[in-house]
C-alpha atoms as a PDB file:
ATOM      1  CA  MET A   1       3.134   2.640   0.454  1.00  0.00           C
ATOM      2  CA  LEU A   2       1.562   0.705  -2.414  1.00  0.00           C
ATOM      3  CA  VAL A   3       3.226  -0.724  -5.487  1.00  0.00           C
ATOM      4  CA  ARG A   4       1.225   1.576  -7.770  1.00  0.00           C
ATOM      5  CA  ASP A   5       2.901   4.565  -6.057  1.00  0.00           C
ATOM      6  CA  VAL A   6       6.452   3.532  -7.021  1.00  0.00           C
ATOM      7  CA  MET A   7       6.234   1.142 -10.013  1.00  0.00           C
ATOM      8  CA  SER A   8       7.780   2.009 -13.361  1.00  0.00           C
ATOM      9  CA  LYS A   9       5.379   2.803 -16.185  1.00  0.00           C
ATOM     10  CA  PRO A  10       4.605   2.757 -18.983  1.00  0.00           C
ATOM     11  CA  VAL A  11       5.736  -0.792 -19.614  1.00  0.00           C
ATOM     12  CA  VAL A  12       8.266  -1.122 -22.431  1.00  0.00           C
ATOM     13  CA  THR A  13       7.786  -4.325 -24.402  1.00  0.00           C
ATOM     14  CA  VAL A  14       9.466  -6.295 -27.144  1.00  0.00           C
ATOM     15  CA  ALA A  15       8.263  -9.217 -29.237  1.00  0.00           C
ATOM     16  CA  VAL A  16       9.525 -12.663 -28.301  1.00  0.00           C
ATOM     17  CA  ASP A  17      10.777 -13.240 -31.847  1.00  0.00           C
ATOM     18  CA  ALA A  18      12.765  -9.964 -32.062  1.00  0.00           C
ATOM     19  CA  ALA A  19      16.536 -10.005 -32.236  1.00  0.00           C
ATOM     20  CA  LEU A  20      18.570  -8.814 -29.238  1.00  0.00           C
ATOM     21  CA  ASP A  21      19.889  -5.742 -31.088  1.00  0.00           C
ATOM     22  CA  ALA A  22      16.327  -4.507 -31.525  1.00  0.00           C
ATOM     23  CA  ALA A  23      15.545  -5.201 -27.868  1.00  0.00           C
ATOM     24  CA  ALA A  24      18.712  -3.368 -26.752  1.00  0.00           C
ATOM     25  CA  LYS A  25      17.709  -0.386 -28.923  1.00  0.00           C
ATOM     26  CA  ARG A  26      14.242  -0.352 -27.263  1.00  0.00           C
ATOM     27  CA  MET A  27      15.932  -0.294 -23.846  1.00  0.00           C
ATOM     28  CA  LEU A  28      18.280   2.528 -24.819  1.00  0.00           C
ATOM     29  CA  ASP A  29      15.521   4.564 -26.500  1.00  0.00           C
ATOM     30  CA  ALA A  30      13.242   4.221 -23.477  1.00  0.00           C
ATOM     31  CA  ASP A  31      16.121   4.586 -20.960  1.00  0.00           C
ATOM     32  CA  VAL A  32      15.147   1.399 -19.117  1.00  0.00           C
ATOM     33  CA  GLY A  33      17.157  -1.598 -17.919  1.00  0.00           C
ATOM     34  CA  SER A  34      14.701  -4.229 -19.053  1.00  0.00           C
ATOM     35  CA  VAL A  35      11.795  -4.896 -21.345  1.00  0.00           C
ATOM     36  CA  VAL A  36       8.811  -7.220 -20.960  1.00  0.00           C
ATOM     37  CA  VAL A  37       8.808  -9.911 -23.621  1.00  0.00           C
ATOM     38  CA  GLU A  38       5.450 -10.521 -25.250  1.00  0.00           C
ATOM     39  CA  SER A  39       4.006 -13.162 -27.490  1.00  0.00           C
ATOM     40  CA  ASP A  40       0.715 -12.183 -29.128  1.00  0.00           C
ATOM     41  CA  GLY A  41       0.310  -9.414 -26.539  1.00  0.00           C
ATOM     42  CA  VAL A  42       0.806 -11.758 -23.565  1.00  0.00           C
ATOM     43  CA  PRO A  43       3.839 -11.322 -21.280  1.00  0.00           C
ATOM     44  CA  VAL A  44       6.021 -14.424 -21.477  1.00  0.00           C
ATOM     45  CA  GLY A  45       9.352 -13.208 -20.105  1.00  0.00           C
ATOM     46  CA  ILE A  46      11.553 -10.330 -19.200  1.00  0.00           C
ATOM     47  CA  LEU A  47      14.829  -9.313 -20.817  1.00  0.00           C
ATOM     48  CA  SER A  48      17.383  -7.310 -18.869  1.00  0.00           C
ATOM     49  CA  GLU A  49      20.604  -5.589 -19.913  1.00  0.00           C
ATOM     50  CA  SER A  50      22.437  -8.391 -18.153  1.00  0.00           C
ATOM     51  CA  ASP A  51      20.544 -11.003 -20.213  1.00  0.00           C
ATOM     52  CA  VAL A  52      21.618  -9.250 -23.419  1.00  0.00           C
ATOM     53  CA  LEU A  53      25.270  -9.058 -22.359  1.00  0.00           C
ATOM     54  CA  THR A  54      25.298 -12.703 -21.210  1.00  0.00           C
ATOM     55  CA  ALA A  55      23.760 -13.931 -24.480  1.00  0.00           C
ATOM     56  CA  GLY A  56      26.205 -11.867 -26.522  1.00  0.00           C
ATOM     57  CA  VAL A  57      29.239 -13.217 -24.665  1.00  0.00           C
ATOM     58  CA  ASN A  58      28.026 -16.831 -24.411  1.00  0.00           C
ATOM     59  CA  THR A  59      27.022 -17.179 -28.071  1.00  0.00           C
ATOM     60  CA  GLY A  60      29.858 -15.157 -29.582  1.00  0.00           C
ATOM     61  CA  ARG A  61      27.407 -14.028 -32.232  1.00  0.00           C
ATOM     62  CA  PRO A  62      26.294 -10.496 -33.078  1.00  0.00           C
ATOM     63  CA  LEU A  63      23.165  -9.417 -31.187  1.00  0.00           C
ATOM     64  CA  SER A  64      21.279  -9.317 -34.468  1.00  0.00           C
ATOM     65  CA  GLY A  65      21.786 -13.119 -34.693  1.00  0.00           C
ATOM     66  CA  VAL A  66      20.384 -13.954 -31.276  1.00  0.00           C
ATOM     67  CA  SER A  67      16.653 -14.023 -30.516  1.00  0.00           C
ATOM     68  CA  VAL A  68      15.040 -12.487 -27.491  1.00  0.00           C
ATOM     69  CA  ARG A  69      13.460 -15.875 -26.760  1.00  0.00           C
ATOM     70  CA  ALA A  70      16.927 -17.397 -26.316  1.00  0.00           C
ATOM     71  CA  ALA A  71      18.033 -14.768 -23.778  1.00  0.00           C
ATOM     72  CA  MET A  72      14.920 -13.809 -21.798  1.00  0.00           C
ATOM     73  CA  SER A  73      14.225 -14.832 -18.248  1.00  0.00           C
ATOM     74  CA  ALA A  74      11.063 -16.738 -17.408  1.00  0.00           C
ATOM     75  CA  PRO A  75       8.786 -17.520 -15.622  1.00  0.00           C
ATOM     76  CA  LEU A  76       7.529 -14.112 -14.591  1.00  0.00           C
ATOM     77  CA  THR A  77       6.842 -13.084 -11.038  1.00  0.00           C
ATOM     78  CA  ARG A  78       3.824 -10.870 -10.501  1.00  0.00           C
ATOM     79  CA  THR A  79       2.294  -8.523  -7.967  1.00  0.00           C
ATOM     80  CA  ARG A  80      -0.780  -6.282  -7.816  1.00  0.00           C
ATOM     81  CA  PRO A  81      -0.754  -2.493  -7.845  1.00  0.00           C
ATOM     82  CA  THR A  82      -2.601  -2.535  -4.492  1.00  0.00           C
ATOM     83  CA  ALA A  83       0.027  -4.697  -2.814  1.00  0.00           C
ATOM     84  CA  THR A  84       2.323  -2.992  -0.331  1.00  0.00           C
ATOM     85  CA  VAL A  85       5.848  -2.317  -1.459  1.00  0.00           C
ATOM     86  CA  ARG A  86       7.019  -4.210   1.630  1.00  0.00           C
ATOM     87  CA  SER A  87       5.150  -7.385   0.556  1.00  0.00           C
ATOM     88  CA  ALA A  88       6.326  -6.993  -3.035  1.00  0.00           C
ATOM     89  CA  ALA A  89       9.927  -6.623  -1.833  1.00  0.00           C
ATOM     90  CA  GLU A  90       9.479  -9.786   0.220  1.00  0.00           C
ATOM     91  CA  THR A  91       8.240 -11.585  -2.920  1.00  0.00           C
ATOM     92  CA  MET A  92      11.341 -10.328  -4.760  1.00  0.00           C
ATOM     93  CA  ARG A  93      13.585 -11.683  -2.026  1.00  0.00           C
ATOM     94  CA  ARG A  94      11.779 -15.039  -1.796  1.00  0.00           C
ATOM     95  CA  GLU A  95      11.693 -15.535  -5.590  1.00  0.00           C
ATOM     96  CA  ASN A  96      15.170 -14.033  -6.164  1.00  0.00           C
ATOM     97  CA  ALA A  97      13.612 -11.611  -8.659  1.00  0.00           C
ATOM     98  CA  LYS A  98      14.833  -8.107  -9.393  1.00  0.00           C
ATOM     99  CA  LYS A  99      11.635  -7.197 -11.249  1.00  0.00           C
ATOM    100  CA  LEU A 100       7.967  -7.940 -10.740  1.00  0.00           C
ATOM    101  CA  LEU A 101       5.257  -7.459 -13.300  1.00  0.00           C
ATOM    102  CA  VAL A 102       2.431  -5.385 -11.891  1.00  0.00           C
ATOM    103  CA  VAL A 103      -0.869  -6.836 -13.056  1.00  0.00           C
ATOM    104  CA  ASP A 104      -4.356  -5.443 -12.415  1.00  0.00           C
ATOM    105  CA  GLY A 105      -6.725  -8.267 -13.317  1.00  0.00           C
ATOM    106  CA  THR A 106      -5.457  -9.237 -16.769  1.00  0.00           C
ATOM    107  CA  ASP A 107      -3.886  -5.865 -17.566  1.00  0.00           C
ATOM    108  CA  LEU A 108      -0.148  -5.309 -17.313  1.00  0.00           C
ATOM    109  CA  VAL A 109       0.077  -1.824 -15.700  1.00  0.00           C
ATOM    110  CA  GLY A 110       3.679  -1.523 -14.649  1.00  0.00           C
ATOM    111  CA  VAL A 111       6.922  -3.120 -13.513  1.00  0.00           C
ATOM    112  CA  LEU A 112       8.285  -2.902 -10.005  1.00  0.00           C
ATOM    113  CA  THR A 113      12.077  -3.008 -10.051  1.00  0.00           C
ATOM    114  CA  LEU A 114      14.576  -3.314  -7.276  1.00  0.00           C
ATOM    115  CA  THR A 115      15.671   0.178  -8.228  1.00  0.00           C
ATOM    116  CA  ASP A 116      12.130   1.464  -7.638  1.00  0.00           C
ATOM    117  CA  VAL A 117      12.205   0.010  -4.135  1.00  0.00           C
ATOM    118  CA  VAL A 118      15.657   1.407  -3.347  1.00  0.00           C
ATOM    119  CA  TRP A 119      14.881   4.902  -4.630  1.00  0.00           C
ATOM    120  CA  ASN A 120      11.837   4.975  -2.332  1.00  0.00           C
ATOM    121  CA  LEU A 121      13.531   3.417   0.670  1.00  0.00           C
ATOM    122  CA  SER A 122      13.572   6.613   2.770  1.00  0.00           C
ATOM    123  CA  ASP A 123       9.833   7.145   2.190  1.00  0.00           C
ATOM    124  CA  LEU A 124       9.176   3.474   3.095  1.00  0.00           C
ATOM    125  CA  ARG A 125      11.180   3.844   6.297  1.00  0.00           C
ATOM    126  CA  ARG A 126       9.352   7.050   7.190  1.00  0.00           C
ATOM    127  CA  GLU A 127       5.999   5.292   6.652  1.00  0.00           C
ATOM    128  CA  GLU A 128       7.095   2.377   8.856  1.00  0.00           C
ATOM    129  CA  ARG A 129       8.110   4.802  11.653  1.00  0.00           C
ATOM    130  CA  ARG A 130       4.769   6.591  11.446  1.00  0.00           C
ATOM    131  CA  LYS A 131       2.922   3.246  11.708  1.00  0.00           C
ATOM    132  CA  ALA A 132       5.059   2.154  14.656  1.00  0.00           C
ATOM    133  CA  ASP A 133       4.450   5.496  16.422  1.00  0.00           C
ATOM    134  CA  ALA A 134       0.696   5.211  15.836  1.00  0.00           C
ATOM    135  CA  ARG A 135       0.649   1.651  17.247  1.00  0.00           C
ATOM    136  CA  PHE A 136       2.560   2.830  20.327  1.00  0.00           C
ATOM    137  CA  GLU A 137       0.208   5.739  20.899  1.00  0.00           C
ATOM    138  CA  TRP A 138      -2.840   3.515  20.505  1.00  0.00           C
ATOM    139  CA  ARG A 139      -1.494   0.933  22.978  1.00  0.00           C
ATOM    140  CA  HIS A 140      -0.706   3.621  25.524  1.00  0.00           C
ATOM    141  CA  ASP A 141      -3.918   5.628  25.147  1.00  0.00           C
ATOM    142  CA  GLU A 142      -5.572   5.736  28.593  1.00  0.00           C
ATOM    143  CA  ARG A 143      -9.045   5.767  27.068  1.00  0.00           C
ATOM    144  CA  PHE A 144      -8.594   2.168  25.918  1.00  0.00           C
ATOM    145  CA  LYS A 145      -7.266   0.649  29.136  1.00  0.00           C
END
């Protein structure tokens, strides 16, 4: 299974100079748990619900008084739409990232979230079983001995 088959799209973005209340509204309106932070159309970070809550508690200020730049997570971890979900999940584990930007060349085409991986886990397991069965059959095919 490839990343492009399970990634979240379209990508919801927010400007790096926006206030957290505007970013939180974007998340709520789009029913997503994070937004990609852009500066001049270039992804520079990611802002999650957790980032918003942490910034609100830690600063003690209203969300309208805290910038996205102050709360976002960076650097970004990326993958390609043609990568396998298995390899992307391994990247997430290795980099301790819950979200990967999906980039095709220079175009941001989606976001792969840990939730995307979990929701497709049964399909991923089924695919792995099919591959294992095919390898077993190939190894035991009398025509190739």
